[in-house]
Amino acid sequence: MSIVAKLHFFVGCIAVALGFIAMFSKKGTTIHKQSGIIFSGSITLLCLSGFYLSYSRNLQFTFLLSALALYLVFTGFIAVRNRGQDITILDKIGLVYILLLTLGCFLLSYLGVKFFWAYPATEPPYEAYAFIGGWGLLLLIGDVTFVRTVRPTISTRLKRHLTRMCSAMLIATTVFFLGNNHVLPESMRTVPILVTPIILVCMFMLIYRLGFQWMNRGLHK
């Protein structure tokens, strides 16, 4: 395992651990803010090392997945850093970024299927790239709506923050527990252990989206 790969795994462990702490700690508290900042930094490093590893190993899908995760943590972070403010240039940069990523994924999927492009055995078929494109399209619609608001409310920014941070966490946990489970002890490679963290992230995001007010209590202070 190369130095970058070891760093990637180490940072991934930190990101997953701090992500769960930030998710389940009371919102607005010091522990939530500090763990959230470390989580954001860890995901950023994870994406950058993911770019390098994907390029060196000729892995297109994980490269695009890293690009999506980087966008999610970036827009999720600035959503609360800029709360109470008008739409900024960073919000608009995020919109352009996800537009280009979405178009790129759909185009790659279309061309790969149409011209029967070969892909490594470790890569999913080109239809899978449309999945990232579809996810990006939903985020793009959210960005357009958000930017058109001009001056989003604090509630809107908080909803954007938690949804996108949870989405970045979902990518991190899925890749860690399903994509790289070979690094875990054999006793931990069981379906319940590998799937439970992913389900927890999905449940948290779903419950928040359904409007449980206790999850963002303290954020308006």
Protein backbone atom coordinates (compact mmCIF):
# COMPACT_ATOMS: atom_id res chain seq x y z
CA MET A 1 0.00 0.00 0.00
CA SER A 2 1.46 3.38 -1.04
CA ILE A 3 1.87 6.31 1.31
CA VAL A 4 -1.05 8.12 -0.37
CA ALA A 5 -3.25 5.02 -0.03
CA LYS A 6 -2.37 4.70 3.67
CA LEU A 7 -3.12 8.39 4.19
CA HIS A 8 -6.37 7.98 2.29
CA PHE A 9 -7.45 5.11 4.56
CA PHE A 10 -6.40 6.94 7.75
CA VAL A 11 -8.23 10.12 6.77
CA GLY A 12 -11.26 8.03 5.79
CA CYS A 13 -11.39 6.54 9.29
CA ILE A 14 -11.30 10.04 10.79
CA ALA A 15 -13.98 11.33 8.41
CA VAL A 16 -16.39 8.48 9.20
CA ALA A 17 -15.82 8.71 12.98
CA LEU A 18 -16.14 12.50 13.17
CA GLY A 19 -19.06 12.44 10.77
CA PHE A 20 -21.08 10.27 13.13
CA ILE A 21 -20.12 12.46 16.10
CA ALA A 22 -21.27 15.58 14.24
CA MET A 23 -24.47 13.85 13.11
CA PHE A 24 -25.61 12.67 16.51
CA SER A 25 -24.37 15.53 18.69
CA LYS A 26 -26.73 18.40 19.49
CA LYS A 27 -26.67 20.91 16.67
CA GLY A 28 -25.08 24.26 17.48
CA THR A 29 -22.94 22.91 20.33
CA THR A 30 -19.16 23.16 20.41
CA ILE A 31 -18.67 19.43 19.83
CA HIS A 32 -20.94 19.54 16.79
CA LYS A 33 -19.14 22.53 15.29
CA GLN A 34 -15.63 21.24 15.96
CA SER A 35 -16.33 17.70 14.77
CA GLY A 36 -18.10 19.16 11.73
CA ILE A 37 -15.08 21.28 10.82
CA ILE A 38 -12.73 18.31 11.15
CA PHE A 39 -15.16 16.17 9.14
CA SER A 40 -15.24 18.78 6.37
CA GLY A 41 -11.44 18.98 6.29
CA SER A 42 -11.14 15.19 6.31
CA ILE A 43 -13.58 14.77 3.43
CA THR A 44 -11.68 17.42 1.46
CA LEU A 45 -8.37 15.56 1.98
CA LEU A 46 -10.15 12.30 1.22
CA CYS A 47 -11.39 13.67 -2.09
CA LEU A 48 -7.98 15.08 -3.06
CA SER A 49 -6.21 11.80 -2.30
CA GLY A 50 -9.11 10.04 -4.04
CA PHE A 51 -8.40 12.08 -7.18
CA TYR A 52 -4.77 10.98 -7.13
CA LEU A 53 -5.52 7.30 -6.46
CA SER A 54 -8.27 7.23 -9.09
CA TYR A 55 -5.95 8.78 -11.67
CA SER A 56 -3.01 6.50 -10.84
CA ARG A 57 -5.24 3.40 -10.93
CA ASN A 58 -7.30 4.52 -13.95
CA LEU A 59 -10.56 4.55 -12.00
CA GLN A 60 -13.08 6.91 -13.56
CA PHE A 61 -16.07 6.19 -11.34
CA THR A 62 -14.34 6.89 -8.01
CA PHE A 63 -12.81 10.04 -9.53
CA LEU A 64 -16.28 11.39 -10.28
CA LEU A 65 -17.58 10.21 -6.91
CA SER A 66 -14.77 12.15 -5.23
CA ALA A 67 -15.72 15.20 -7.28
CA LEU A 68 -19.33 14.90 -6.10
CA ALA A 69 -18.32 14.47 -2.45
CA LEU A 70 -16.04 17.52 -2.66
CA TYR A 71 -18.91 19.61 -4.02
CA LEU A 72 -21.27 18.39 -1.28
CA VAL A 73 -18.96 19.21 1.60
CA PHE A 74 -18.03 22.57 0.04
CA THR A 75 -21.61 23.74 -0.48
CA GLY A 76 -22.69 22.25 2.85
CA PHE A 77 -19.94 24.10 4.68
CA ILE A 78 -20.49 27.53 3.11
CA ALA A 79 -24.24 27.21 3.65
CA VAL A 80 -23.77 27.84 7.38
CA ARG A 81 -20.65 29.98 7.14
CA ASN A 82 -22.63 32.51 5.10
CA ARG A 83 -25.92 32.28 6.96
CA GLY A 84 -27.80 35.53 7.18
CA GLN A 85 -26.10 36.79 4.01
CA ASP A 86 -27.17 37.19 0.42
CA ILE A 87 -26.14 34.66 -2.22
CA THR A 88 -22.36 34.89 -2.68
CA ILE A 89 -19.98 34.14 -5.53
CA LEU A 90 -19.11 30.85 -3.80
CA ASP A 91 -22.74 29.73 -4.06
CA LYS A 92 -22.69 30.51 -7.78
CA ILE A 93 -19.38 28.68 -8.25
CA GLY A 94 -20.98 25.63 -6.63
CA LEU A 95 -23.87 25.83 -9.11
CA VAL A 96 -21.53 25.98 -12.13
CA TYR A 97 -19.43 23.13 -10.69
CA ILE A 98 -22.36 20.74 -10.27
CA LEU A 99 -23.72 21.73 -13.70
CA LEU A 100 -20.45 20.72 -15.38
CA LEU A 101 -20.14 17.55 -13.30
CA THR A 102 -23.71 16.50 -14.09
CA LEU A 103 -23.32 17.10 -17.81
CA GLY A 104 -19.98 15.27 -17.79
CA CYS A 105 -21.45 12.20 -16.07
CA PHE A 106 -24.42 11.98 -18.42
CA LEU A 107 -22.21 12.50 -21.47
CA LEU A 108 -19.71 9.86 -20.34
CA SER A 109 -22.53 7.41 -19.65
CA TYR A 110 -24.14 8.04 -23.04
CA LEU A 111 -20.92 7.80 -25.05
CA GLY A 112 -19.69 4.75 -23.14
CA VAL A 113 -22.91 2.83 -23.80
CA LYS A 114 -23.35 4.00 -27.40
CA PHE A 115 -19.79 3.21 -28.53
CA PHE A 116 -19.28 0.16 -26.29
CA TRP A 117 -16.23 1.64 -24.60
CA ALA A 118 -14.27 -0.92 -22.63
CA TYR A 119 -13.79 -0.41 -18.91
CA PRO A 120 -11.56 -2.14 -16.33
CA ALA A 121 -12.95 -5.08 -14.42
CA THR A 122 -12.86 -2.96 -11.25
CA GLU A 123 -15.11 -0.32 -12.83
CA PRO A 124 -18.94 -0.43 -12.99
CA PRO A 125 -20.65 -0.33 -16.43
CA TYR A 126 -21.17 3.07 -18.01
CA GLU A 127 -24.85 3.07 -17.07
CA ALA A 128 -23.68 3.63 -13.48
CA TYR A 129 -22.30 7.05 -14.40
CA ALA A 130 -25.84 8.17 -15.09
CA PHE A 131 -26.56 7.51 -11.40
CA ILE A 132 -24.04 10.18 -10.38
CA GLY A 133 -25.48 12.41 -13.10
CA GLY A 134 -29.00 11.90 -11.75
CA TRP A 135 -27.88 12.73 -8.22
CA GLY A 136 -26.10 15.78 -9.59
CA LEU A 137 -29.24 16.86 -11.45
CA LEU A 138 -31.25 16.88 -8.21
CA LEU A 139 -28.52 18.93 -6.54
CA LEU A 140 -28.40 21.27 -9.52
CA ILE A 141 -32.14 21.92 -9.24
CA GLY A 142 -31.63 22.67 -5.56
CA ASP A 143 -28.78 25.07 -6.38
CA VAL A 144 -30.83 26.95 -8.98
CA THR A 145 -33.71 27.33 -6.52
CA PHE A 146 -31.29 28.38 -3.79
CA VAL A 147 -29.52 31.01 -5.91
CA ARG A 148 -32.81 32.45 -7.18
CA THR A 149 -33.87 33.02 -3.57
CA VAL A 150 -31.28 35.87 -3.46
CA ARG A 151 -31.40 36.08 0.36
CA PRO A 152 -32.08 32.60 1.79
CA THR A 153 -33.43 32.32 5.31
CA ILE A 154 -31.37 30.77 8.08
CA SER A 155 -33.74 27.80 8.05
CA THR A 156 -33.12 27.27 4.32
CA ARG A 157 -29.35 27.40 4.80
CA LEU A 158 -29.46 24.96 7.72
CA LYS A 159 -31.56 22.52 5.72
CA ARG A 160 -29.07 22.78 2.86
CA HIS A 161 -26.14 22.32 5.24
CA LEU A 162 -27.42 19.17 6.95
CA THR A 163 -28.71 17.56 3.77
CA ARG A 164 -25.44 18.01 1.91
CA MET A 165 -23.20 17.06 4.80
CA CYS A 166 -25.26 13.89 5.26
CA SER A 167 -24.93 13.17 1.53
CA ALA A 168 -21.14 13.53 1.75
CA MET A 169 -21.22 11.26 4.81
CA LEU A 170 -23.30 8.74 2.85
CA ILE A 171 -20.65 8.58 0.13
CA ALA A 172 -17.86 8.23 2.69
CA THR A 173 -19.55 5.42 4.63
CA THR A 174 -20.62 3.56 1.48
CA VAL A 175 -17.13 3.63 -0.02
CA PHE A 176 -15.50 2.79 3.32
CA PHE A 177 -17.71 -0.11 4.33
CA LEU A 178 -18.67 -1.54 0.93
CA GLY A 179 -15.91 -0.42 -1.41
CA ASN A 180 -12.88 -0.93 0.84
CA ASN A 181 -14.04 -3.55 3.32
CA HIS A 182 -11.04 -5.73 2.44
CA VAL A 183 -8.96 -3.59 4.84
CA LEU A 184 -11.27 -4.46 7.75
CA PRO A 185 -10.74 -7.54 9.95
CA GLU A 186 -12.46 -10.58 8.49
CA SER A 187 -14.74 -10.81 11.54
CA MET A 188 -16.17 -7.40 10.64
CA ARG A 189 -16.96 -8.27 7.03
CA THR A 190 -20.53 -9.31 7.72
CA VAL A 191 -23.59 -7.81 6.09
CA PRO A 192 -25.04 -6.30 9.32
CA ILE A 193 -21.75 -4.57 10.24
CA LEU A 194 -21.09 -3.29 6.73
CA VAL A 195 -24.62 -2.08 6.01
CA THR A 196 -25.69 -0.66 9.40
CA PRO A 197 -23.58 2.56 9.24
CA ILE A 198 -24.99 3.33 5.78
CA ILE A 199 -28.55 2.76 6.95
CA LEU A 200 -27.95 5.02 9.97
CA VAL A 201 -26.87 7.90 7.72
CA CYS A 202 -29.88 7.40 5.44
CA MET A 203 -32.26 7.27 8.42
CA PHE A 204 -30.81 10.42 9.96
CA MET A 205 -31.17 12.33 6.71
CA LEU A 206 -34.71 11.04 6.16
CA ILE A 207 -35.82 11.90 9.70
CA TYR A 208 -34.38 15.39 9.38
CA ARG A 209 -36.08 15.92 6.05
CA LEU A 210 -39.38 14.94 7.62
CA GLY A 211 -38.99 17.92 9.91
CA PHE A 212 -37.96 16.77 13.37
CA GLN A 213 -37.24 20.15 14.94
CA TRP A 214 -35.08 18.77 17.73
CA MET A 215 -32.30 18.07 15.28
CA ASN A 216 -31.59 21.72 14.58
CA ARG A 217 -32.48 23.08 18.02
CA GLY A 218 -29.87 25.57 19.09
CA LEU A 219 -28.78 26.45 15.55
CA HIS A 220 -30.91 29.59 15.52
CA LYS A 221 -29.19 30.96 18.60
